[in-house]
Structure formats: C-alpha cells, structure tokens
Amino acid sequence: MDFIFDNIIWFVMAAAGLVQWWKSTQEAKMEQAAEEARRREARDYEEFIEEAEMRLPKAAVPPPLPAGGAAQAPELRRSNKRAVADAPPLPDMGSELERQALLAEQIREFKRAKKTRSPVFDHRKKVKPTTTGSIGVKARLGNRRELKDAFVLKEILEKPVGLR
C-alpha cells in the first residue's frame, strides 16, 4: 500500500493518459459516423433529384417558327387593336385635376378655420382632485374621477370576497 501512496503521481498520470486515449478514440468514431452520415445524405439527395427529374415531364420544345413570320404580324396587331378598343375610355384628366384642386382648397380652409376656432372643453383632460375638507361627499361623488377613486378605495379597504 505504501508503494501506491509513494507513487500516486505516476498512477494519476497513467489514468489521465488512458482517459485521454479513450476520449480521442471516441471522438474519432464520432467524426467517422458524422462523415458517413454526410455521405449518405448526399447520396440520398442525389437519388431524390434523379427520381424527381424522371417523374417530371420534360419541358416541351416550342414548334419551329413558320418561314412566313411576317404574315402573322398583322393578325397580332389586329387582335391587340381589338383588345384596346374593348377597354373602357380613360377619364378626362382636366376635370379630375379641377376636382383635386377644389379638394385641396377645402382642406386649406378647414385648417385655417381650425386655427381660428375658440378652445373648447377637452373631455380627455384630467380633472384635478379637490381637497376633502371643504367639499361634501355628495359633490365629490358627482365627479367621475372622484367616483372611480371611491370605488377603487372601497375594493382595497373592505374584506376580501373570499372572507365575506
């Protein structure tokens, strides 16, 4: 037993070497398995592409153009003219521009009127809370903000619903 305790450093170094050797062999096995999986995946992908190409029909080759290509051009032009003739006529741009100018003038007038308008009561403004000493409870509850505050305080201060 004294031999082991006297040479403990050598046993620790030997154990560390064995662990490192075992770890490197495991890593090599993992790399080899990953490489094999990559190769298998690439083969599967290539087979999938080949099968897909076999299943899909080949692209049709357009027929050759006839020798008298100039003879077809007038027919195409005629069919285009028919399509244009069937389309609804474009609106008169002059009247549209006048309408837009009229609307722009109305907007300017509204903006001017808004600037000169007298200030009105804004219902979104917060109402300042009043002191409790000089105003009665009835007057305070007439104010919406005070009424909301009263309900919140009531819910906070009374017994919980589960204990009632």
N, C-alpha and C. Protein backbone atom coordinates (compact mmCIF):
# COMPACT_ATOMS: atom_id res chain seq x y z
N MET A 1 0.81 -1.17 0.00
CA MET A 1 0.00 0.00 0.00
C MET A 1 0.86 1.26 0.00
N ASP A 2 2.01 1.17 0.67
CA ASP A 2 2.91 2.31 0.68
C ASP A 2 3.41 2.63 -0.72
N PHE A 3 3.58 1.59 -1.55
CA PHE A 3 4.05 1.80 -2.92
C PHE A 3 3.07 2.67 -3.70
N ILE A 4 1.77 2.43 -3.51
CA ILE A 4 0.75 3.20 -4.22
C ILE A 4 0.77 4.65 -3.76
N PHE A 5 0.83 4.88 -2.44
CA PHE A 5 0.83 6.25 -1.95
C PHE A 5 2.12 6.97 -2.29
N ASP A 6 3.26 6.22 -2.32
CA ASP A 6 4.53 6.85 -2.68
C ASP A 6 4.57 7.26 -4.14
N ASN A 7 3.91 6.50 -5.01
CA ASN A 7 3.96 6.74 -6.45
C ASN A 7 2.59 7.16 -6.99
N ILE A 8 1.79 7.83 -6.20
CA ILE A 8 0.43 8.23 -6.60
C ILE A 8 0.45 9.13 -7.84
N ILE A 9 1.45 9.97 -7.96
CA ILE A 9 1.52 10.89 -9.10
C ILE A 9 1.61 10.12 -10.40
N TRP A 10 2.36 8.98 -10.38
CA TRP A 10 2.51 8.19 -11.60
C TRP A 10 1.20 7.50 -11.95
N PHE A 11 0.46 7.03 -10.95
CA PHE A 11 -0.82 6.39 -11.22
C PHE A 11 -1.84 7.39 -11.77
N VAL A 12 -1.81 8.62 -11.24
CA VAL A 12 -2.73 9.67 -11.72
C VAL A 12 -2.39 10.02 -13.16
N MET A 13 -1.07 10.14 -13.46
CA MET A 13 -0.67 10.47 -14.84
C MET A 13 -1.04 9.33 -15.79
N ALA A 14 -0.90 8.08 -15.36
CA ALA A 14 -1.27 6.95 -16.21
C ALA A 14 -2.78 6.93 -16.45
N ALA A 15 -3.56 7.20 -15.41
CA ALA A 15 -5.02 7.24 -15.56
C ALA A 15 -5.44 8.38 -16.48
N ALA A 16 -4.79 9.54 -16.35
CA ALA A 16 -5.12 10.67 -17.23
C ALA A 16 -4.78 10.32 -18.67
N GLY A 17 -3.67 9.64 -18.90
CA GLY A 17 -3.30 9.23 -20.25
C GLY A 17 -4.31 8.26 -20.84
N LEU A 18 -4.76 7.30 -20.04
CA LEU A 18 -5.76 6.35 -20.51
C LEU A 18 -7.07 7.05 -20.86
N VAL A 19 -7.49 8.00 -20.01
CA VAL A 19 -8.73 8.74 -20.27
C VAL A 19 -8.60 9.56 -21.55
N GLN A 20 -7.45 10.17 -21.75
CA GLN A 20 -7.25 10.98 -22.96
C GLN A 20 -7.24 10.10 -24.20
N TRP A 21 -6.60 8.91 -24.11
CA TRP A 21 -6.59 7.98 -25.25
C TRP A 21 -8.01 7.53 -25.57
N TRP A 22 -8.80 7.17 -24.52
CA TRP A 22 -10.17 6.73 -24.73
C TRP A 22 -11.03 7.83 -25.35
N LYS A 23 -10.82 9.06 -24.88
CA LYS A 23 -11.58 10.21 -25.41
C LYS A 23 -11.25 10.43 -26.88
N SER A 24 -9.99 10.36 -27.25
CA SER A 24 -9.61 10.58 -28.66
C SER A 24 -10.18 9.49 -29.56
N THR A 25 -10.22 8.23 -29.08
CA THR A 25 -10.82 7.17 -29.91
C THR A 25 -12.32 7.40 -30.08
N GLN A 26 -12.99 7.88 -29.03
CA GLN A 26 -14.43 8.16 -29.13
C GLN A 26 -14.70 9.30 -30.10
N GLU A 27 -13.86 10.35 -30.05
CA GLU A 27 -14.03 11.47 -30.97
C GLU A 27 -13.81 11.03 -32.40
N ALA A 28 -12.83 10.16 -32.64
CA ALA A 28 -12.57 9.65 -33.99
C ALA A 28 -13.78 8.87 -34.50
N LYS A 29 -14.39 8.05 -33.61
CA LYS A 29 -15.57 7.30 -34.01
C LYS A 29 -16.72 8.24 -34.35
N MET A 30 -16.89 9.30 -33.56
CA MET A 30 -17.97 10.27 -33.81
C MET A 30 -17.76 10.99 -35.14
N GLU A 31 -16.51 11.40 -35.42
CA GLU A 31 -16.22 12.07 -36.68
C GLU A 31 -16.47 11.15 -37.86
N GLN A 32 -16.09 9.89 -37.71
CA GLN A 32 -16.28 8.92 -38.78
C GLN A 32 -17.78 8.72 -39.03
N ALA A 33 -18.57 8.62 -37.97
CA ALA A 33 -20.02 8.45 -38.11
C ALA A 33 -20.65 9.67 -38.75
N ALA A 34 -20.18 10.86 -38.39
CA ALA A 34 -20.73 12.08 -38.97
C ALA A 34 -20.39 12.17 -40.46
N GLU A 35 -19.18 11.80 -40.81
CA GLU A 35 -18.77 11.83 -42.22
C GLU A 35 -19.60 10.83 -43.03
N GLU A 36 -19.82 9.65 -42.47
CA GLU A 36 -20.64 8.64 -43.15
C GLU A 36 -22.08 9.15 -43.32
N ALA A 37 -22.60 9.83 -42.32
CA ALA A 37 -23.96 10.38 -42.42
C ALA A 37 -24.02 11.45 -43.50
N ARG A 38 -22.98 12.30 -43.60
CA ARG A 38 -22.95 13.32 -44.65
C ARG A 38 -22.91 12.69 -46.03
N ARG A 39 -22.08 11.63 -46.19
CA ARG A 39 -22.01 10.95 -47.50
C ARG A 39 -23.35 10.32 -47.84
N ARG A 40 -23.98 9.66 -46.85
CA ARG A 40 -25.27 9.02 -47.08
C ARG A 40 -26.32 10.06 -47.44
N GLU A 41 -26.29 11.19 -46.77
CA GLU A 41 -27.25 12.27 -47.05
C GLU A 41 -27.07 12.82 -48.45
N ALA A 42 -25.82 12.98 -48.87
CA ALA A 42 -25.54 13.47 -50.22
C ALA A 42 -26.03 12.47 -51.26
N ARG A 43 -25.80 11.17 -51.01
CA ARG A 43 -26.28 10.14 -51.95
C ARG A 43 -27.79 10.15 -52.01
N ASP A 44 -28.45 10.24 -50.86
CA ASP A 44 -29.92 10.26 -50.83
C ASP A 44 -30.44 11.47 -51.58
N TYR A 45 -29.79 12.62 -51.41
CA TYR A 45 -30.22 13.84 -52.10
C TYR A 45 -30.08 13.68 -53.61
N GLU A 46 -28.95 13.12 -54.05
CA GLU A 46 -28.75 12.92 -55.49
C GLU A 46 -29.79 11.95 -56.05
N GLU A 47 -30.10 10.87 -55.31
CA GLU A 47 -31.11 9.93 -55.76
C GLU A 47 -32.48 10.59 -55.81
N PHE A 48 -32.78 11.44 -54.84
CA PHE A 48 -34.05 12.13 -54.82
C PHE A 48 -34.19 13.04 -56.04
N ILE A 49 -33.11 13.75 -56.36
CA ILE A 49 -33.13 14.65 -57.53
C ILE A 49 -33.33 13.84 -58.81
N GLU A 50 -32.62 12.73 -58.93
CA GLU A 50 -32.76 11.90 -60.13
C GLU A 50 -34.19 11.38 -60.27
N GLU A 51 -34.77 10.90 -59.16
CA GLU A 51 -36.15 10.40 -59.22
C GLU A 51 -37.12 11.52 -59.58
N ALA A 52 -36.91 12.70 -59.03
CA ALA A 52 -37.79 13.83 -59.34
C ALA A 52 -37.68 14.21 -60.81
N GLU A 53 -36.47 14.19 -61.35
CA GLU A 53 -36.30 14.51 -62.77
C GLU A 53 -36.97 13.47 -63.65
N MET A 54 -36.96 12.22 -63.21
CA MET A 54 -37.60 11.17 -64.01
C MET A 54 -39.12 11.30 -63.95
N ARG A 55 -39.67 11.71 -62.77
CA ARG A 55 -41.11 11.84 -62.63
C ARG A 55 -41.67 13.04 -63.37
N LEU A 56 -40.93 14.13 -63.38
CA LEU A 56 -41.43 15.34 -64.02
C LEU A 56 -41.32 15.23 -65.53
N PRO A 57 -42.34 15.69 -66.25
CA PRO A 57 -42.24 15.64 -67.71
C PRO A 57 -41.20 16.64 -68.20
N LYS A 58 -40.62 16.30 -69.29
CA LYS A 58 -39.63 17.18 -69.90
C LYS A 58 -40.33 18.43 -70.43
N ALA A 59 -39.62 19.51 -70.46
CA ALA A 59 -40.19 20.75 -70.98
C ALA A 59 -40.46 20.60 -72.47
N ALA A 60 -41.62 21.06 -72.88
CA ALA A 60 -41.98 20.95 -74.29
C ALA A 60 -41.16 21.94 -75.11
N VAL A 61 -40.71 21.46 -76.23
CA VAL A 61 -39.94 22.32 -77.13
C VAL A 61 -40.94 23.02 -78.04
N PRO A 62 -40.88 24.34 -78.14
CA PRO A 62 -41.84 25.03 -79.00
C PRO A 62 -41.62 24.65 -80.45
N PRO A 63 -42.69 24.64 -81.22
CA PRO A 63 -42.54 24.29 -82.63
C PRO A 63 -41.71 25.36 -83.35
N PRO A 64 -41.07 24.97 -84.42
CA PRO A 64 -40.27 25.96 -85.16
C PRO A 64 -41.17 27.04 -85.75
N LEU A 65 -40.62 28.23 -85.87
CA LEU A 65 -41.37 29.34 -86.44
C LEU A 65 -41.60 29.10 -87.93
N PRO A 66 -42.77 29.46 -88.42
CA PRO A 66 -43.02 29.28 -89.86
C PRO A 66 -42.12 30.22 -90.66
N ALA A 67 -41.87 29.82 -91.87
CA ALA A 67 -40.98 30.60 -92.73
C ALA A 67 -41.57 31.97 -93.01
N GLY A 68 -42.88 32.10 -93.11
CA GLY A 68 -43.52 33.38 -93.39
C GLY A 68 -43.88 34.08 -92.10
N GLY A 69 -42.92 34.40 -91.26
CA GLY A 69 -43.17 35.04 -89.96
C GLY A 69 -43.78 36.42 -90.12
N ALA A 70 -43.50 37.13 -91.20
CA ALA A 70 -44.03 38.47 -91.41
C ALA A 70 -45.53 38.45 -91.65
N ALA A 71 -46.07 37.33 -92.13
CA ALA A 71 -47.51 37.25 -92.43
C ALA A 71 -48.32 37.23 -91.14
N GLN A 72 -47.76 36.72 -90.04
CA GLN A 72 -48.53 36.66 -88.80
C GLN A 72 -48.56 37.99 -88.06
N ALA A 73 -47.65 38.86 -88.29
CA ALA A 73 -47.57 40.11 -87.55
C ALA A 73 -48.83 40.95 -87.67
N PRO A 74 -49.44 41.12 -88.85
CA PRO A 74 -50.65 41.93 -88.92
C PRO A 74 -51.80 41.35 -88.10
N GLU A 75 -51.93 40.02 -88.03
CA GLU A 75 -53.01 39.41 -87.25
C GLU A 75 -52.85 39.76 -85.77
N LEU A 76 -51.62 39.71 -85.28
CA LEU A 76 -51.37 40.05 -83.88
C LEU A 76 -51.72 41.51 -83.62
N ARG A 77 -51.37 42.36 -84.54
CA ARG A 77 -51.68 43.77 -84.36
C ARG A 77 -53.19 43.99 -84.32
N ARG A 78 -53.90 43.28 -85.18
CA ARG A 78 -55.35 43.43 -85.20
C ARG A 78 -55.96 42.96 -83.88
N SER A 79 -55.48 41.84 -83.37
CA SER A 79 -56.05 41.35 -82.11
C SER A 79 -55.73 42.31 -80.97
N ASN A 80 -54.55 42.95 -81.01
CA ASN A 80 -54.22 43.94 -79.98
C ASN A 80 -55.13 45.15 -80.10
N LYS A 81 -55.46 45.57 -81.32
CA LYS A 81 -56.34 46.72 -81.50
C LYS A 81 -57.72 46.42 -80.96
N ARG A 82 -58.18 45.17 -81.13
CA ARG A 82 -59.49 44.81 -80.60
C ARG A 82 -59.49 44.90 -79.08
N ALA A 83 -58.42 44.44 -78.47
CA ALA A 83 -58.36 44.46 -77.01
C ALA A 83 -58.34 45.89 -76.50
N VAL A 84 -57.65 46.77 -77.19
CA VAL A 84 -57.61 48.17 -76.79
C VAL A 84 -58.96 48.83 -77.03
N ALA A 85 -59.64 48.47 -78.09
CA ALA A 85 -60.94 49.06 -78.39
C ALA A 85 -61.98 48.64 -77.36
N ASP A 86 -61.85 47.42 -76.81
CA ASP A 86 -62.82 46.94 -75.82
C ASP A 86 -62.59 47.56 -74.44
N ALA A 87 -61.42 48.12 -74.21
CA ALA A 87 -61.11 48.69 -72.90
C ALA A 87 -61.94 49.96 -72.68
N PRO A 88 -62.31 50.25 -71.41
CA PRO A 88 -63.10 51.46 -71.15
C PRO A 88 -62.26 52.71 -71.42
N PRO A 89 -62.89 53.79 -71.85
CA PRO A 89 -62.14 55.00 -72.15
C PRO A 89 -61.55 55.61 -70.87
N LEU A 90 -60.44 56.29 -71.02
CA LEU A 90 -59.80 56.93 -69.88
C LEU A 90 -60.61 58.15 -69.44
N PRO A 91 -60.66 58.44 -68.15
CA PRO A 91 -61.42 59.61 -67.69
C PRO A 91 -60.72 60.90 -68.14
N ASP A 92 -61.52 61.95 -68.23
CA ASP A 92 -60.98 63.25 -68.64
C ASP A 92 -60.07 63.77 -67.53
N MET A 93 -58.81 63.98 -67.81
CA MET A 93 -57.84 64.39 -66.80
C MET A 93 -58.06 65.83 -66.35
N GLY A 94 -58.58 66.67 -67.21
CA GLY A 94 -58.82 68.07 -66.84
C GLY A 94 -59.82 68.19 -65.70
N SER A 95 -60.93 67.45 -65.78
CA SER A 95 -61.94 67.53 -64.74
C SER A 95 -61.42 66.92 -63.42
N GLU A 96 -60.61 65.89 -63.52
CA GLU A 96 -60.04 65.27 -62.32
C GLU A 96 -59.09 66.24 -61.62
N LEU A 97 -58.28 66.94 -62.38
CA LEU A 97 -57.36 67.92 -61.79
C LEU A 97 -58.12 69.06 -61.13
N GLU A 98 -59.22 69.48 -61.75
CA GLU A 98 -60.04 70.54 -61.15
C GLU A 98 -60.64 70.08 -59.82
N ARG A 99 -61.12 68.83 -59.79
CA ARG A 99 -61.70 68.28 -58.56
C ARG A 99 -60.66 68.22 -57.45
N GLN A 100 -59.42 67.79 -57.79
CA GLN A 100 -58.36 67.72 -56.79
C GLN A 100 -57.98 69.11 -56.28
N ALA A 101 -57.95 70.09 -57.17
CA ALA A 101 -57.64 71.46 -56.75
C ALA A 101 -58.72 71.98 -55.80
N LEU A 102 -59.99 71.67 -56.09
CA LEU A 102 -61.08 72.09 -55.23
C LEU A 102 -60.96 71.45 -53.84
N LEU A 103 -60.62 70.15 -53.80
CA LEU A 103 -60.45 69.47 -52.52
C LEU A 103 -59.28 70.06 -51.74
N ALA A 104 -58.19 70.39 -52.42
CA ALA A 104 -57.04 70.98 -51.74
C ALA A 104 -57.42 72.33 -51.13
N GLU A 105 -58.20 73.12 -51.82
CA GLU A 105 -58.64 74.42 -51.31
C GLU A 105 -59.53 74.23 -50.08
N GLN A 106 -60.42 73.23 -50.10
CA GLN A 106 -61.28 72.96 -48.96
C GLN A 106 -60.45 72.55 -47.74
N ILE A 107 -59.42 71.78 -47.95
CA ILE A 107 -58.54 71.36 -46.85
C ILE A 107 -57.85 72.57 -46.24
N ARG A 108 -57.35 73.46 -47.09
CA ARG A 108 -56.71 74.69 -46.60
C ARG A 108 -57.68 75.51 -45.76
N GLU A 109 -58.95 75.62 -46.21
CA GLU A 109 -59.96 76.38 -45.46
C GLU A 109 -60.23 75.73 -44.09
N PHE A 110 -60.33 74.42 -44.05
CA PHE A 110 -60.55 73.72 -42.78
C PHE A 110 -59.40 73.96 -41.82
N LYS A 111 -58.18 73.94 -42.32
CA LYS A 111 -57.02 74.17 -41.46
C LYS A 111 -57.03 75.59 -40.91
N ARG A 112 -57.38 76.57 -41.77
CA ARG A 112 -57.45 77.96 -41.31
C ARG A 112 -58.53 78.11 -40.25
N ALA A 113 -59.68 77.50 -40.48
CA ALA A 113 -60.79 77.58 -39.52
C ALA A 113 -60.41 76.91 -38.20
N LYS A 114 -59.67 75.85 -38.26
CA LYS A 114 -59.27 75.15 -37.05
C LYS A 114 -58.33 76.01 -36.20
N LYS A 115 -57.44 76.75 -36.87
CA LYS A 115 -56.51 77.62 -36.14
C LYS A 115 -57.25 78.76 -35.45
N THR A 116 -58.30 79.29 -36.07
CA THR A 116 -59.01 80.44 -35.52
C THR A 116 -60.12 80.05 -34.56
N ARG A 117 -60.46 78.77 -34.48
CA ARG A 117 -61.53 78.30 -33.63
C ARG A 117 -61.20 78.54 -32.16
N SER A 118 -62.22 78.85 -31.36
CA SER A 118 -62.01 79.07 -29.93
C SER A 118 -61.77 77.74 -29.24
N PRO A 119 -61.01 77.75 -28.17
CA PRO A 119 -60.75 76.49 -27.48
C PRO A 119 -62.04 75.97 -26.85
N VAL A 120 -62.24 74.68 -26.94
CA VAL A 120 -63.41 74.04 -26.36
C VAL A 120 -62.96 73.10 -25.26
N PHE A 121 -63.90 72.66 -24.45
CA PHE A 121 -63.58 71.76 -23.36
C PHE A 121 -63.13 70.42 -23.94
N ASP A 122 -61.98 69.97 -23.47
CA ASP A 122 -61.47 68.68 -23.90
C ASP A 122 -61.81 67.67 -22.83
N HIS A 123 -62.67 66.70 -23.16
CA HIS A 123 -63.11 65.73 -22.17
C HIS A 123 -61.99 64.76 -21.78
N ARG A 124 -60.89 64.75 -22.53
CA ARG A 124 -59.79 63.84 -22.22
C ARG A 124 -58.85 64.42 -21.17
N LYS A 125 -58.98 65.70 -20.86
CA LYS A 125 -58.11 66.31 -19.86
C LYS A 125 -58.45 65.75 -18.49
N LYS A 126 -57.43 65.57 -17.68
CA LYS A 126 -57.65 65.05 -16.34
C LYS A 126 -58.24 66.13 -15.45
N VAL A 127 -59.16 65.72 -14.61
CA VAL A 127 -59.76 66.63 -13.66
C VAL A 127 -58.89 66.61 -12.41
N LYS A 128 -58.55 67.80 -11.93
CA LYS A 128 -57.71 67.88 -10.74
C LYS A 128 -58.52 67.47 -9.52
N PRO A 129 -57.95 66.59 -8.70
CA PRO A 129 -58.69 66.20 -7.50
C PRO A 129 -58.77 67.38 -6.52
N THR A 130 -59.87 67.43 -5.82
CA THR A 130 -60.09 68.53 -4.88
C THR A 130 -59.77 68.07 -3.48
N THR A 131 -59.64 69.01 -2.59
CA THR A 131 -59.38 68.65 -1.18
C THR A 131 -60.65 68.12 -0.55
N THR A 132 -60.49 67.29 0.44
CA THR A 132 -61.65 66.63 1.05
C THR A 132 -62.31 67.46 2.13
N GLY A 133 -61.62 68.43 2.69
CA GLY A 133 -62.16 69.15 3.84
C GLY A 133 -63.33 70.04 3.52
N SER A 134 -63.33 70.78 2.43
CA SER A 134 -64.34 71.81 2.21
C SER A 134 -65.51 71.34 1.36
N ILE A 135 -65.39 70.22 0.65
CA ILE A 135 -66.45 69.78 -0.27
C ILE A 135 -67.13 68.55 0.31
N GLY A 136 -68.44 68.49 0.20
CA GLY A 136 -69.20 67.38 0.73
C GLY A 136 -69.04 66.11 -0.10
N VAL A 137 -69.44 65.02 0.49
CA VAL A 137 -69.31 63.71 -0.17
C VAL A 137 -70.19 63.66 -1.41
N LYS A 138 -71.38 64.22 -1.34
CA LYS A 138 -72.30 64.18 -2.48
C LYS A 138 -71.71 64.91 -3.68
N ALA A 139 -71.08 66.06 -3.44
CA ALA A 139 -70.47 66.83 -4.53
C ALA A 139 -69.28 66.08 -5.11
N ARG A 140 -68.52 65.44 -4.23
CA ARG A 140 -67.34 64.70 -4.71
C ARG A 140 -67.75 63.52 -5.56
N LEU A 141 -68.82 62.82 -5.19
CA LEU A 141 -69.24 61.66 -5.96
C LEU A 141 -69.91 62.05 -7.27
N GLY A 142 -70.23 63.30 -7.44
CA GLY A 142 -70.77 63.78 -8.71
C GLY A 142 -69.67 63.86 -9.77
N ASN A 143 -68.43 63.93 -9.35
CA ASN A 143 -67.30 63.98 -10.27
C ASN A 143 -66.92 62.55 -10.65
N ARG A 144 -66.79 62.28 -11.93
CA ARG A 144 -66.49 60.93 -12.41
C ARG A 144 -65.18 60.40 -11.85
N ARG A 145 -64.18 61.24 -11.85
CA ARG A 145 -62.86 60.82 -11.38
C ARG A 145 -62.90 60.46 -9.89
N GLU A 146 -63.58 61.28 -9.13
CA GLU A 146 -63.70 61.02 -7.70
C GLU A 146 -64.49 59.73 -7.45
N LEU A 147 -65.53 59.50 -8.27
CA LEU A 147 -66.33 58.29 -8.13
C LEU A 147 -65.49 57.04 -8.40
N LYS A 148 -64.66 57.09 -9.42
CA LYS A 148 -63.78 55.96 -9.73
C LYS A 148 -62.81 55.71 -8.57
N ASP A 149 -62.24 56.79 -8.06
CA ASP A 149 -61.31 56.66 -6.93
C ASP A 149 -62.01 56.04 -5.72
N ALA A 150 -63.27 56.42 -5.49
CA ALA A 150 -64.02 55.90 -4.35
C ALA A 150 -64.23 54.40 -4.50
N PHE A 151 -64.57 53.94 -5.69
CA PHE A 151 -64.76 52.51 -5.91
C PHE A 151 -63.46 51.74 -5.70
N VAL A 152 -62.36 52.28 -6.19
CA VAL A 152 -61.07 51.61 -6.02
C VAL A 152 -60.72 51.51 -4.55
N LEU A 153 -60.90 52.59 -3.80
CA LEU A 153 -60.61 52.57 -2.37
C LEU A 153 -61.51 51.59 -1.63
N LYS A 154 -62.78 51.53 -2.02
CA LYS A 154 -63.71 50.60 -1.39
C LYS A 154 -63.24 49.16 -1.59
N GLU A 155 -62.82 48.81 -2.80
CA GLU A 155 -62.35 47.46 -3.08
C GLU A 155 -61.08 47.14 -2.32
N ILE A 156 -60.23 48.11 -2.14
CA ILE A 156 -58.97 47.88 -1.45
C ILE A 156 -59.19 47.73 0.05
N LEU A 157 -60.04 48.56 0.62
CA LEU A 157 -60.16 48.62 2.07
C LEU A 157 -61.12 47.62 2.67
N GLU A 158 -62.11 47.12 1.91
CA GLU A 158 -63.05 46.20 2.55
C GLU A 158 -62.49 44.78 2.58
N LYS A 159 -63.23 43.86 3.24
CA LYS A 159 -62.80 42.47 3.37
C LYS A 159 -62.70 41.83 2.00
N PRO A 160 -61.77 40.89 1.84
CA PRO A 160 -61.72 40.16 0.56
C PRO A 160 -62.99 39.38 0.33
N VAL A 161 -63.32 39.15 -0.93
CA VAL A 161 -64.58 38.48 -1.28
C VAL A 161 -64.63 37.08 -0.67
N GLY A 162 -63.49 36.39 -0.63
CA GLY A 162 -63.45 35.04 -0.09
C GLY A 162 -63.74 34.97 1.40
N LEU A 163 -63.54 36.06 2.13
CA LEU A 163 -63.77 36.08 3.57
C LEU A 163 -65.12 36.66 3.96
N ARG A 164 -65.95 37.11 3.06
CA ARG A 164 -67.25 37.71 3.37
C ARG A 164 -68.27 36.66 3.73
